[in-house]
Amino acid sequence: METITTQDTPKKKSRIAPVLLIAALSILLFGEVYFGYRFHQLSVEQKHIKEDYSLSNNITFGIFSVDRWGEKISAVVDRRVKGFKLTGQQKTEMRKEVEKELHGLVNKAVAEVTKPQKSLGGKLKKLAFKTFVDVDEIHAQVPSFAKTIVTKITSPTSLKRLKGIATSKMDELEAQTYDSTDTTITTVERNIYRKYHVANAKAYDRLVNSRLAEIKKDSFQSALSMLGCVVIALTLWLFLRKRVQLHVPLFIMSLLFAFILLAVGVTSPIIEVDARLQTLEFAFLGDKIAFTNQVLFFQSKSILGIIGTLIEQPKPDAVLVGVLLLVFVVVLPLLRIIARGVHVSCGHLFGSQKALRFLAFDLGKWDMADVMVVGIGMTYIGLNGILKSQLSGLNMKNDTLKTVTVNNSALQLGFFVFVTYVAYTIVLSYILKRIDQQNGPC
């Protein structure tokens, strides 16, 4: 009995070891799935928040809106009108001008009455005027009249009435100057504020900035956790490289890790293009009209998003490029993962393995995931350079106008997840060749 037990022990261990390995890797795989799903959700949420923000702050609803200019100009004029006050020097100058006009009116009236008259009535009026009217006395009373007029005009009641007239006229002009964006702006803002449960633009800006900071931190942690699970699974190959009987289940599980990386990499945003006019300040009536955070252009795309956009285009060449990207960047990598798993686990069940070996080994020549990585990187570098060059031409600063542009375009974490998938599959290709050399087709 002892001999039988001793002989059975290695067999039992050889059967238990793969089960324990699969169980441990399943826990890691579940962790990768969880963190990958969380990373994907955070990336999508960030994209939606930025899309809503770019819509509410779009340049069409700001600098290019006549209504917005009308509101800001009206506000400046309204402040100037309501804050209008006459200084003592201005009142003195006004009184001098009124005196000058009154003296002119008196002289004109005297000249009219004392001019040569032909009729008897006119001559009698002229005689009466010279007899009873003292022109010097009238001129002497002009300063007191002018003072009374200026005091009446500059009284609080009169100024209030004048301000009201000026304000009403400005309102009339503002009502006559409009475009079709006002209703759209109001509708968009109302819907966005309702969606984020805020009351005004300031509260909305605070909420967006706070939430984006949280998402950035959580996304980074989720990405690191997901990649940590992959690194741990890959490290097991170093410890189990001599345990040939464990290579097949370990490789199958490694392929599942690769599949999760691919799924997250192609569905999460990989590049973000964000060009803004950060500040525009314009001097008007001694005050400043300012527009801030005006979004010129915003797009955030995943690999599948790029492919979908190309396929939806009405141009045949764009559709062809989209289909080719779908085939070479998504479909063929999936076929490689499946073919490798089948080749390692049950390749012996197929009579002819030429097609299977082609998919598992030679399909890498047609798999363009690594080319996609280089293409995205080059696109980002070129696009970023173009945006910086174009936006720098809009920057200016002088006494009346100041504009500041900003380029927030950046590669997103989804791109680096996809890069990790590409690097991971290269390692798996090397491992597969080693397994095939050791065991041959299973």
Foldseek 3Di string as FASTA:
>chain_A
DVVVVVVCVVVVCLVVVLVVVLVVLVVLLVLLLVLLVVLQVLLVVLQVLVVLVLVLQAVCLAVVFQLNVLVLVLVVVLCCLVPDADDPVNLVVQLVVQLVVQLVVLVVVLCVLCDDDDDPVSVVSNVVCVVPPDSVVVNVCSSVVSNVVSCVCRDPVNSVVVSVVVSVVSVVVSVVTGDDCPVVSVVSVVVVCVVVVHDDDVVSVVVSVVSSVVSVVSSVVSLVSSVVSLVVLVVVCVVCVVVLSNLLSSLLSNLSSLVSLLVSLQSGWFKKWWKFFAWKWFDDPNDIDMRGGHTHDIDTAGNLRCLVVQCPDPDPVSVVVSVLCCCQAPVLVVQLSVLLSCQSPPCVVDPDCPVSCCSPAVSVVRRCLVVVLVVVVVVQVVVVVVSVVVQVVVADDDDGIGIDMDIPIDTDVSSVSSVVSVVSVVVSNVSSVVSCVVPNGD
